[in-house]
């Protein structure tokens, strides 16, 4: 997801060779973290996180957007993060990348809404995944009003709704899925 040439070759190639088909729903769910305080962050740590989340969103979305515009229908759901909404120490790169996708979500929603395309995002908090595996869940649960980490299935259900035809009047929104931790 961090390599625009690969995106162009693989996804762009699929789009070009499948002109009778088009992608109705795009879920941008790429993201990596490489946490460190900014004063110790290396250029590579900044670049890899920004390229995966922000550049990946841009190049993948651009590759499928034209066919959505022609068909006058599409659903784009971007997976961002609590970090992109409030910022977290040690995650300058991740917070910046996800905040960038949040801004892009809102701007793109305004650009393509009149063409039947919705663009929304979900912002998970602490979800039981590989990315939260090394965290002290017991300590963090005490900060969450519902007193638990979320599940990938809970995030998937929200994404599924935003990707559905029933969500046609919802666009430019960021849905927080964080057990009440931050709103």
N, C-alpha and C. Protein backbone atom coordinates (compact mmCIF):
# COMPACT_ATOMS: atom_id res chain seq x y z
N UNK A 1 0.81 -1.20 0.00
CA UNK A 1 0.00 0.00 0.00
C UNK A 1 0.85 1.26 0.00
N UNK A 2 2.11 1.14 0.32
CA UNK A 2 2.98 2.31 0.36
C UNK A 2 3.67 2.57 -0.97
N UNK A 3 3.44 1.72 -1.96
CA UNK A 3 4.16 1.82 -3.23
C UNK A 3 3.19 2.16 -4.35
N UNK A 4 3.22 3.40 -4.81
CA UNK A 4 2.26 3.82 -5.83
C UNK A 4 2.43 3.06 -7.14
N UNK A 5 3.64 2.63 -7.44
CA UNK A 5 3.86 1.86 -8.67
C UNK A 5 3.18 0.49 -8.60
N UNK A 6 3.28 -0.15 -7.45
CA UNK A 6 2.59 -1.45 -7.28
C UNK A 6 1.08 -1.27 -7.34
N UNK A 7 0.57 -0.22 -6.72
CA UNK A 7 -0.88 0.05 -6.78
C UNK A 7 -1.29 0.25 -8.22
N UNK A 8 -0.52 1.05 -8.95
CA UNK A 8 -0.83 1.30 -10.36
C UNK A 8 -0.79 0.01 -11.18
N UNK A 9 0.23 -0.80 -10.95
CA UNK A 9 0.38 -2.04 -11.71
C UNK A 9 -0.72 -3.04 -11.37
N UNK A 10 -0.94 -3.29 -10.09
CA UNK A 10 -1.87 -4.34 -9.69
C UNK A 10 -3.32 -3.88 -9.79
N UNK A 11 -3.67 -2.83 -9.06
CA UNK A 11 -5.06 -2.36 -9.06
C UNK A 11 -5.39 -1.67 -10.38
N UNK A 12 -4.51 -0.79 -10.82
CA UNK A 12 -4.74 -0.11 -12.10
C UNK A 12 -4.85 -1.10 -13.25
N UNK A 13 -4.01 -2.11 -13.22
CA UNK A 13 -4.07 -3.15 -14.25
C UNK A 13 -5.39 -3.91 -14.22
N UNK A 14 -5.89 -4.20 -13.02
CA UNK A 14 -7.18 -4.89 -12.90
C UNK A 14 -8.29 -4.01 -13.46
N UNK A 15 -8.29 -2.75 -13.09
CA UNK A 15 -9.33 -1.82 -13.56
C UNK A 15 -9.30 -1.76 -15.09
N UNK A 16 -8.11 -1.62 -15.67
CA UNK A 16 -8.00 -1.52 -17.13
C UNK A 16 -8.42 -2.80 -17.85
N UNK A 17 -8.15 -3.95 -17.27
CA UNK A 17 -8.48 -5.21 -17.96
C UNK A 17 -9.86 -5.74 -17.62
N UNK A 18 -10.59 -5.05 -16.76
CA UNK A 18 -11.94 -5.47 -16.39
C UNK A 18 -12.92 -4.33 -16.60
N UNK A 19 -12.97 -3.81 -17.81
CA UNK A 19 -13.80 -2.63 -18.09
C UNK A 19 -15.29 -2.91 -17.95
N UNK A 20 -15.68 -4.17 -18.02
CA UNK A 20 -17.11 -4.51 -17.86
C UNK A 20 -17.51 -4.59 -16.39
N UNK A 21 -16.53 -4.53 -15.49
CA UNK A 21 -16.79 -4.59 -14.05
C UNK A 21 -16.34 -3.27 -13.43
N UNK A 22 -16.87 -3.03 -12.23
CA UNK A 22 -16.33 -1.90 -11.48
C UNK A 22 -16.46 -2.16 -10.00
N UNK A 23 -15.67 -1.46 -9.24
CA UNK A 23 -15.66 -1.62 -7.79
C UNK A 23 -16.70 -0.66 -7.21
N UNK A 24 -17.73 -1.21 -6.58
CA UNK A 24 -18.79 -0.40 -5.96
C UNK A 24 -18.41 0.07 -4.57
N UNK A 25 -17.68 -0.77 -3.85
CA UNK A 25 -17.34 -0.48 -2.46
C UNK A 25 -15.83 -0.57 -2.30
N UNK A 26 -15.26 0.47 -1.74
CA UNK A 26 -13.84 0.49 -1.44
C UNK A 26 -13.68 0.74 0.05
N UNK A 27 -12.98 -0.16 0.72
CA UNK A 27 -12.64 0.02 2.13
C UNK A 27 -11.12 0.19 2.20
N UNK A 28 -10.70 1.38 2.54
CA UNK A 28 -9.28 1.66 2.73
C UNK A 28 -8.93 1.33 4.17
N UNK A 29 -8.27 0.20 4.37
CA UNK A 29 -7.98 -0.28 5.72
C UNK A 29 -6.49 -0.50 5.95
N UNK A 30 -5.67 0.22 5.21
CA UNK A 30 -4.22 0.05 5.38
C UNK A 30 -3.73 0.92 6.52
N UNK A 31 -2.80 0.40 7.26
CA UNK A 31 -2.19 1.19 8.31
C UNK A 31 -1.12 0.38 9.02
N UNK A 32 -0.06 1.05 9.34
CA UNK A 32 0.99 0.45 10.16
C UNK A 32 1.35 1.48 11.22
N UNK A 33 1.92 1.01 12.30
CA UNK A 33 2.41 1.96 13.30
C UNK A 33 3.87 1.66 13.58
N UNK A 34 4.57 2.71 13.90
CA UNK A 34 5.98 2.60 14.26
C UNK A 34 6.19 3.69 15.31
N UNK A 35 5.79 3.38 16.53
CA UNK A 35 5.68 4.37 17.60
C UNK A 35 7.03 4.72 18.22
N UNK A 36 7.22 6.02 18.37
CA UNK A 36 8.39 6.56 19.07
C UNK A 36 8.12 8.05 19.25
N UNK A 37 8.67 8.63 20.28
CA UNK A 37 8.54 10.07 20.47
C UNK A 37 9.18 10.80 19.30
N UNK A 38 8.62 11.95 18.95
CA UNK A 38 9.08 12.68 17.77
C UNK A 38 10.57 12.99 17.81
N UNK A 39 11.09 13.32 18.97
CA UNK A 39 12.51 13.69 19.05
C UNK A 39 13.43 12.54 18.65
N UNK A 40 12.95 11.31 18.69
CA UNK A 40 13.76 10.15 18.30
C UNK A 40 13.31 9.53 16.98
N UNK A 41 12.26 10.08 16.38
CA UNK A 41 11.72 9.48 15.16
C UNK A 41 12.68 9.67 13.99
N UNK A 42 12.91 8.58 13.29
CA UNK A 42 13.76 8.61 12.10
C UNK A 42 12.89 8.92 10.87
N UNK A 43 13.52 9.47 9.85
CA UNK A 43 12.79 9.79 8.62
C UNK A 43 12.04 8.57 8.08
N UNK A 44 12.67 7.40 8.15
CA UNK A 44 12.05 6.19 7.61
C UNK A 44 10.77 5.84 8.37
N UNK A 45 10.74 6.10 9.68
CA UNK A 45 9.55 5.82 10.47
C UNK A 45 8.41 6.74 10.06
N UNK A 46 8.73 7.98 9.84
CA UNK A 46 7.72 8.94 9.37
C UNK A 46 7.22 8.52 7.99
N UNK A 47 8.15 8.32 7.07
CA UNK A 47 7.80 8.03 5.68
C UNK A 47 6.97 6.76 5.53
N UNK A 48 7.35 5.68 6.19
CA UNK A 48 6.64 4.42 5.98
C UNK A 48 5.21 4.49 6.49
N UNK A 49 5.00 5.15 7.62
CA UNK A 49 3.64 5.26 8.17
C UNK A 49 2.78 6.19 7.31
N UNK A 50 3.32 7.32 6.92
CA UNK A 50 2.58 8.27 6.08
C UNK A 50 2.26 7.64 4.72
N UNK A 51 3.24 6.99 4.11
CA UNK A 51 3.02 6.39 2.79
C UNK A 51 1.97 5.29 2.83
N UNK A 52 1.99 4.46 3.86
CA UNK A 52 1.03 3.36 3.93
C UNK A 52 -0.39 3.88 4.10
N UNK A 53 -0.61 4.77 5.04
CA UNK A 53 -1.98 5.24 5.32
C UNK A 53 -2.45 6.31 4.34
N UNK A 54 -1.69 7.36 4.21
CA UNK A 54 -2.16 8.52 3.44
C UNK A 54 -1.94 8.35 1.94
N UNK A 55 -0.74 7.99 1.54
CA UNK A 55 -0.50 7.75 0.12
C UNK A 55 -1.33 6.57 -0.38
N UNK A 56 -1.42 5.51 0.43
CA UNK A 56 -2.22 4.35 0.05
C UNK A 56 -3.66 4.74 -0.21
N UNK A 57 -4.25 5.53 0.70
CA UNK A 57 -5.62 6.03 0.50
C UNK A 57 -5.73 6.75 -0.84
N UNK A 58 -4.81 7.68 -1.10
CA UNK A 58 -4.89 8.50 -2.31
C UNK A 58 -4.80 7.66 -3.58
N UNK A 59 -3.78 6.84 -3.69
CA UNK A 59 -3.55 6.11 -4.94
C UNK A 59 -4.60 5.03 -5.20
N UNK A 60 -5.04 4.35 -4.16
CA UNK A 60 -6.07 3.32 -4.34
C UNK A 60 -7.40 3.97 -4.68
N UNK A 61 -7.78 5.01 -3.95
CA UNK A 61 -9.06 5.66 -4.20
C UNK A 61 -9.10 6.27 -5.60
N UNK A 62 -8.03 6.92 -5.98
CA UNK A 62 -8.00 7.51 -7.32
C UNK A 62 -8.15 6.45 -8.41
N UNK A 63 -7.58 5.28 -8.19
CA UNK A 63 -7.65 4.21 -9.19
C UNK A 63 -9.07 3.70 -9.43
N UNK A 64 -9.93 3.77 -8.42
CA UNK A 64 -11.29 3.23 -8.58
C UNK A 64 -12.35 4.32 -8.72
N UNK A 65 -11.99 5.55 -8.46
CA UNK A 65 -12.99 6.62 -8.41
C UNK A 65 -13.64 6.91 -9.75
N UNK A 66 -12.89 6.89 -10.84
CA UNK A 66 -13.48 7.22 -12.14
C UNK A 66 -14.63 6.31 -12.51
N UNK A 67 -14.48 5.01 -12.26
CA UNK A 67 -15.58 4.10 -12.60
C UNK A 67 -16.79 4.34 -11.71
N UNK A 68 -16.57 4.69 -10.44
CA UNK A 68 -17.70 5.04 -9.57
C UNK A 68 -18.41 6.29 -10.11
N UNK A 69 -17.64 7.27 -10.54
CA UNK A 69 -18.23 8.50 -11.08
C UNK A 69 -19.05 8.21 -12.33
N UNK A 70 -18.53 7.35 -13.20
CA UNK A 70 -19.27 7.00 -14.42
C UNK A 70 -20.56 6.25 -14.11
N UNK A 71 -20.52 5.37 -13.13
CA UNK A 71 -21.71 4.59 -12.75
C UNK A 71 -22.66 5.37 -11.85
N UNK A 72 -22.19 6.51 -11.33
CA UNK A 72 -22.96 7.34 -10.41
C UNK A 72 -23.39 6.58 -9.17
N UNK A 73 -22.45 5.76 -8.69
CA UNK A 73 -22.69 5.02 -7.44
C UNK A 73 -21.35 4.55 -6.89
N UNK A 74 -21.22 4.64 -5.58
CA UNK A 74 -20.05 4.09 -4.93
C UNK A 74 -20.09 4.36 -3.44
N UNK A 75 -19.38 3.51 -2.72
CA UNK A 75 -19.23 3.66 -1.27
C UNK A 75 -17.75 3.56 -0.96
N UNK A 76 -17.22 4.59 -0.32
CA UNK A 76 -15.83 4.58 0.11
C UNK A 76 -15.84 4.72 1.62
N UNK A 77 -15.22 3.75 2.30
CA UNK A 77 -15.13 3.78 3.75
C UNK A 77 -13.65 3.69 4.12
N UNK A 78 -13.18 4.69 4.83
CA UNK A 78 -11.79 4.75 5.24
C UNK A 78 -11.67 4.38 6.72
N UNK A 79 -10.77 3.49 7.03
CA UNK A 79 -10.53 3.13 8.42
C UNK A 79 -9.42 4.04 8.92
N UNK A 80 -9.78 4.91 9.86
CA UNK A 80 -8.83 5.85 10.43
C UNK A 80 -8.51 5.39 11.84
N UNK A 81 -8.53 6.27 12.82
CA UNK A 81 -8.17 5.85 14.17
C UNK A 81 -8.53 6.94 15.17
N UNK A 82 -8.71 6.51 16.40
CA UNK A 82 -8.81 7.44 17.51
C UNK A 82 -7.60 8.37 17.51
N UNK A 83 -6.44 7.86 17.14
CA UNK A 83 -5.21 8.66 17.09
C UNK A 83 -5.33 9.82 16.11
N UNK A 84 -6.05 9.62 15.03
CA UNK A 84 -6.24 10.68 14.04
C UNK A 84 -7.20 11.75 14.50
N UNK A 85 -8.06 11.41 15.44
CA UNK A 85 -9.01 12.39 15.99
C UNK A 85 -8.41 13.21 17.10
N UNK A 86 -7.71 12.56 18.02
CA UNK A 86 -7.23 13.29 19.20
C UNK A 86 -5.72 13.37 19.29
N UNK A 87 -5.00 12.58 18.51
CA UNK A 87 -3.55 12.54 18.62
C UNK A 87 -3.15 11.77 19.87
N UNK A 88 -2.10 11.02 19.75
CA UNK A 88 -1.58 10.27 20.90
C UNK A 88 -0.07 10.43 20.96
N UNK A 89 0.48 10.62 22.16
CA UNK A 89 1.92 10.77 22.28
C UNK A 89 2.64 9.51 21.80
N UNK A 90 3.74 9.71 21.12
CA UNK A 90 4.49 8.59 20.58
C UNK A 90 3.97 8.13 19.24
N UNK A 91 2.91 8.77 18.76
CA UNK A 91 2.31 8.40 17.48
C UNK A 91 2.15 9.61 16.57
N UNK A 92 3.14 10.46 16.54
CA UNK A 92 3.08 11.65 15.68
C UNK A 92 2.82 11.25 14.24
N UNK A 93 3.56 10.27 13.75
CA UNK A 93 3.42 9.83 12.36
C UNK A 93 2.05 9.20 12.10
N UNK A 94 1.63 8.30 12.98
CA UNK A 94 0.34 7.61 12.82
C UNK A 94 -0.82 8.58 12.96
N UNK A 95 -0.75 9.45 13.97
CA UNK A 95 -1.80 10.45 14.17
C UNK A 95 -1.91 11.38 12.97
N UNK A 96 -0.78 11.82 12.44
CA UNK A 96 -0.78 12.70 11.28
C UNK A 96 -1.36 12.01 10.05
N UNK A 97 -0.97 10.75 9.84
CA UNK A 97 -1.46 10.01 8.67
C UNK A 97 -2.97 9.82 8.74
N UNK A 98 -3.46 9.39 9.89
CA UNK A 98 -4.90 9.13 10.01
C UNK A 98 -5.70 10.43 10.02
N UNK A 99 -5.16 11.50 10.61
CA UNK A 99 -5.83 12.81 10.55
C UNK A 99 -5.90 13.30 9.11
N UNK A 100 -4.86 13.04 8.33
CA UNK A 100 -4.87 13.40 6.92
C UNK A 100 -5.97 12.68 6.16
N UNK A 101 -6.17 11.41 6.44
CA UNK A 101 -7.24 10.65 5.79
C UNK A 101 -8.60 11.18 6.24
N UNK A 102 -8.72 11.62 7.48
CA UNK A 102 -9.98 12.21 7.95
C UNK A 102 -10.30 13.47 7.14
N UNK A 103 -9.32 14.35 6.97
CA UNK A 103 -9.54 15.55 6.16
C UNK A 103 -9.87 15.22 4.72
N UNK A 104 -9.18 14.25 4.17
CA UNK A 104 -9.44 13.84 2.79
C UNK A 104 -10.83 13.23 2.65
N UNK A 105 -11.27 12.50 3.66
CA UNK A 105 -12.62 11.91 3.65
C UNK A 105 -13.66 13.01 3.53
N UNK A 106 -13.53 14.03 4.35
CA UNK A 106 -14.50 15.13 4.33
C UNK A 106 -14.47 15.90 3.02
N UNK A 107 -13.28 16.15 2.48
CA UNK A 107 -13.16 16.89 1.23
C UNK A 107 -13.70 16.08 0.05
N UNK A 108 -13.33 14.80 -0.03
CA UNK A 108 -13.79 13.97 -1.14
C UNK A 108 -15.30 13.77 -1.10
N UNK A 109 -15.87 13.67 0.09
CA UNK A 109 -17.33 13.55 0.21
C UNK A 109 -18.03 14.73 -0.46
N UNK A 110 -17.46 15.91 -0.31
CA UNK A 110 -18.05 17.09 -0.94
C UNK A 110 -17.86 17.08 -2.46
N UNK A 111 -16.76 16.52 -2.92
CA UNK A 111 -16.49 16.49 -4.35
C UNK A 111 -17.41 15.54 -5.10
N UNK A 112 -17.73 14.39 -4.50
CA UNK A 112 -18.40 13.32 -5.27
C UNK A 112 -19.82 13.01 -4.81
N UNK A 113 -20.31 13.69 -3.79
CA UNK A 113 -21.64 13.39 -3.27
C UNK A 113 -22.75 13.50 -4.29
N UNK A 114 -22.69 14.50 -5.14
CA UNK A 114 -23.76 14.69 -6.13
C UNK A 114 -23.77 13.60 -7.19
N UNK A 115 -22.74 12.76 -7.20
CA UNK A 115 -22.65 11.66 -8.17
C UNK A 115 -23.01 10.31 -7.55
N UNK A 116 -23.69 10.34 -6.40
CA UNK A 116 -24.15 9.09 -5.79
C UNK A 116 -23.08 8.32 -5.04
N UNK A 117 -21.99 8.98 -4.73
CA UNK A 117 -20.88 8.32 -4.03
C UNK A 117 -20.79 8.90 -2.62
N UNK A 118 -20.77 8.02 -1.64
CA UNK A 118 -20.57 8.47 -0.27
C UNK A 118 -19.15 8.14 0.17
N UNK A 119 -18.62 9.00 1.03
CA UNK A 119 -17.26 8.82 1.55
C UNK A 119 -17.32 9.06 3.05
N UNK A 120 -17.06 8.03 3.81
CA UNK A 120 -17.11 8.10 5.26
C UNK A 120 -15.88 7.41 5.85
N UNK A 121 -15.75 7.52 7.16
CA UNK A 121 -14.65 6.85 7.84
C UNK A 121 -15.13 6.28 9.16
N UNK A 122 -14.47 5.24 9.60
CA UNK A 122 -14.66 4.73 10.95
C UNK A 122 -13.34 4.93 11.69
N UNK A 123 -13.47 5.32 12.95
CA UNK A 123 -12.29 5.62 13.76
C UNK A 123 -12.27 4.70 14.98
N UNK A 124 -11.69 3.52 14.83
CA UNK A 124 -11.63 2.60 15.97
C UNK A 124 -10.71 3.12 17.07
N UNK A 125 -11.07 2.77 18.29
CA UNK A 125 -10.19 2.99 19.43
C UNK A 125 -9.39 1.72 19.64
N UNK A 126 -9.41 1.22 20.87
CA UNK A 126 -8.67 -0.01 21.18
C UNK A 126 -9.48 -1.22 20.75
N UNK A 127 -9.02 -1.88 19.70
CA UNK A 127 -9.68 -3.06 19.14
C UNK A 127 -8.70 -4.22 19.27
N UNK A 128 -9.21 -5.39 19.63
CA UNK A 128 -8.35 -6.57 19.79
C UNK A 128 -7.82 -7.03 18.43
N UNK A 129 -6.63 -6.54 18.09
CA UNK A 129 -5.97 -6.90 16.83
C UNK A 129 -4.47 -7.02 17.10
N UNK A 130 -3.73 -7.35 16.06
CA UNK A 130 -2.27 -7.41 16.18
C UNK A 130 -1.69 -6.06 16.60
N UNK A 131 -2.33 -4.97 16.20
CA UNK A 131 -1.79 -3.64 16.52
C UNK A 131 -1.89 -3.31 18.01
N UNK A 132 -2.81 -3.95 18.72
CA UNK A 132 -2.96 -3.67 20.16
C UNK A 132 -2.41 -4.79 21.03
N UNK A 133 -1.84 -5.79 20.41
CA UNK A 133 -1.37 -6.98 21.13
C UNK A 133 -0.39 -6.68 22.25
N UNK A 134 0.52 -5.75 22.07
CA UNK A 134 1.53 -5.47 23.07
C UNK A 134 1.10 -4.46 24.14
N UNK A 135 -0.14 -3.96 24.06
CA UNK A 135 -0.60 -2.96 25.02
C UNK A 135 -1.08 -3.61 26.31
N UNK A 136 -1.05 -2.86 27.39
CA UNK A 136 -1.54 -3.34 28.69
C UNK A 136 -3.06 -3.18 28.72
N UNK A 137 -3.75 -4.23 28.27
CA UNK A 137 -5.21 -4.16 28.13
C UNK A 137 -5.90 -3.90 29.46
N UNK A 138 -5.43 -4.53 30.52
CA UNK A 138 -6.07 -4.35 31.82
C UNK A 138 -6.04 -2.88 32.25
N UNK A 139 -4.89 -2.23 32.08
CA UNK A 139 -4.77 -0.82 32.46
C UNK A 139 -5.62 0.07 31.55
N UNK A 140 -5.59 -0.17 30.26
CA UNK A 140 -6.32 0.66 29.31
C UNK A 140 -7.83 0.50 29.42
N UNK A 141 -8.28 -0.71 29.75
CA UNK A 141 -9.74 -0.94 29.92
C UNK A 141 -10.34 0.00 30.96
N UNK A 142 -9.57 0.34 31.97
CA UNK A 142 -10.09 1.20 33.04
C UNK A 142 -10.41 2.60 32.53
N UNK A 143 -9.82 3.02 31.41
CA UNK A 143 -10.09 4.34 30.83
C UNK A 143 -11.30 4.34 29.91
N UNK A 144 -11.74 3.17 29.49
CA UNK A 144 -12.82 3.04 28.50
C UNK A 144 -14.15 2.89 29.24
N UNK A 145 -15.13 3.76 28.98
CA UNK A 145 -16.41 3.66 29.70
C UNK A 145 -17.08 2.29 29.65
N UNK A 146 -16.97 1.56 28.53
CA UNK A 146 -17.59 0.23 28.48
C UNK A 146 -16.68 -0.86 29.04
N UNK A 147 -15.49 -0.48 29.50
CA UNK A 147 -14.55 -1.36 30.23
C UNK A 147 -14.06 -2.58 29.46
N UNK A 148 -13.88 -2.43 28.14
CA UNK A 148 -13.33 -3.52 27.35
C UNK A 148 -12.80 -2.98 26.04
N UNK A 149 -11.97 -3.77 25.39
CA UNK A 149 -11.53 -3.47 24.04
C UNK A 149 -12.65 -3.90 23.08
N UNK A 150 -12.71 -3.26 21.93
CA UNK A 150 -13.67 -3.66 20.91
C UNK A 150 -13.18 -4.86 20.14
N UNK A 151 -14.05 -5.38 19.29
CA UNK A 151 -13.70 -6.52 18.45
C UNK A 151 -13.65 -6.10 16.99
N UNK A 152 -12.88 -6.81 16.19
CA UNK A 152 -12.86 -6.52 14.76
C UNK A 152 -14.26 -6.63 14.14
N UNK A 153 -15.07 -7.54 14.65
CA UNK A 153 -16.42 -7.72 14.12
C UNK A 153 -17.27 -6.48 14.34
N UNK A 154 -17.08 -5.81 15.48
CA UNK A 154 -17.85 -4.58 15.74
C UNK A 154 -17.47 -3.48 14.74
N UNK A 155 -16.21 -3.40 14.41
CA UNK A 155 -15.78 -2.43 13.40
C UNK A 155 -16.33 -2.84 12.04
N UNK A 156 -16.27 -4.12 11.72
CA UNK A 156 -16.74 -4.61 10.42
C UNK A 156 -18.23 -4.35 10.22
N UNK A 157 -19.03 -4.48 11.27
CA UNK A 157 -20.47 -4.20 11.14
C UNK A 157 -20.71 -2.73 10.80
N UNK A 158 -19.96 -1.83 11.41
CA UNK A 158 -20.10 -0.41 11.11
C UNK A 158 -19.68 -0.11 9.67
N UNK A 159 -18.57 -0.71 9.25
CA UNK A 159 -18.11 -0.54 7.88
C UNK A 159 -19.16 -1.07 6.92
N UNK A 160 -19.71 -2.24 7.22
CA UNK A 160 -20.74 -2.84 6.37
C UNK A 160 -21.95 -1.95 6.22
N UNK A 161 -22.38 -1.32 7.29
CA UNK A 161 -23.51 -0.40 7.19
C UNK A 161 -23.17 0.79 6.30
N UNK A 162 -22.01 1.41 6.53
CA UNK A 162 -21.64 2.58 5.72
C UNK A 162 -21.44 2.22 4.25
N UNK A 163 -21.15 0.96 3.97
CA UNK A 163 -20.97 0.50 2.59
C UNK A 163 -22.29 0.12 1.93
N UNK A 164 -23.36 0.11 2.69
CA UNK A 164 -24.65 -0.36 2.17
C UNK A 164 -25.43 0.75 1.47
N UNK A 165 -26.42 0.34 0.68
CA UNK A 165 -27.31 1.29 0.02
C UNK A 165 -28.13 2.07 1.04
N UNK A 166 -28.36 1.49 2.21
CA UNK A 166 -29.14 2.16 3.25
C UNK A 166 -28.44 3.36 3.85
N UNK A 167 -27.16 3.51 3.61
CA UNK A 167 -26.39 4.64 4.15
C UNK A 167 -26.22 5.75 3.12
N UNK A 168 -27.12 5.83 2.16
CA UNK A 168 -26.98 6.78 1.05
C UNK A 168 -27.01 8.24 1.47
N UNK A 169 -27.57 8.56 2.62
CA UNK A 169 -27.67 9.95 3.05
C UNK A 169 -26.64 10.30 4.11
N UNK A 170 -25.67 9.42 4.28
CA UNK A 170 -24.59 9.65 5.24
C UNK A 170 -23.30 9.78 4.43
N UNK A 171 -22.68 10.94 4.51
CA UNK A 171 -21.41 11.13 3.82
C UNK A 171 -20.60 12.22 4.53
N UNK A 172 -19.29 12.07 4.47
CA UNK A 172 -18.40 13.02 5.12
C UNK A 172 -18.33 12.85 6.63
N UNK A 173 -18.79 11.71 7.13
CA UNK A 173 -18.85 11.47 8.57
C UNK A 173 -17.71 10.58 9.04
N UNK A 174 -17.36 10.77 10.30
CA UNK A 174 -16.36 9.93 10.95
C UNK A 174 -17.06 9.27 12.12
N UNK A 175 -17.22 7.97 12.08
CA UNK A 175 -17.91 7.21 13.13
C UNK A 175 -16.88 6.66 14.10
N UNK A 176 -16.94 7.13 15.34
CA UNK A 176 -16.02 6.65 16.38
C UNK A 176 -16.52 5.33 16.92
N UNK A 177 -15.62 4.36 16.98
CA UNK A 177 -15.93 3.04 17.53
C UNK A 177 -14.89 2.79 18.62
N UNK A 178 -15.19 3.34 19.82
CA UNK A 178 -14.16 3.32 20.86
C UNK A 178 -14.71 3.09 22.27
N UNK A 179 -15.93 2.60 22.38
CA UNK A 179 -16.48 2.30 23.70
C UNK A 179 -16.69 3.52 24.57
N UNK A 180 -16.78 4.71 23.94
CA UNK A 180 -17.00 5.93 24.69
C UNK A 180 -15.73 6.59 25.18
N UNK A 181 -14.57 6.08 24.78
CA UNK A 181 -13.30 6.62 25.24
C UNK A 181 -13.10 8.07 24.81
N UNK A 182 -13.53 8.40 23.60
CA UNK A 182 -13.33 9.75 23.07
C UNK A 182 -14.39 10.01 22.03
N UNK A 183 -15.00 11.20 22.10
CA UNK A 183 -15.99 11.55 21.07
C UNK A 183 -15.82 12.99 20.64
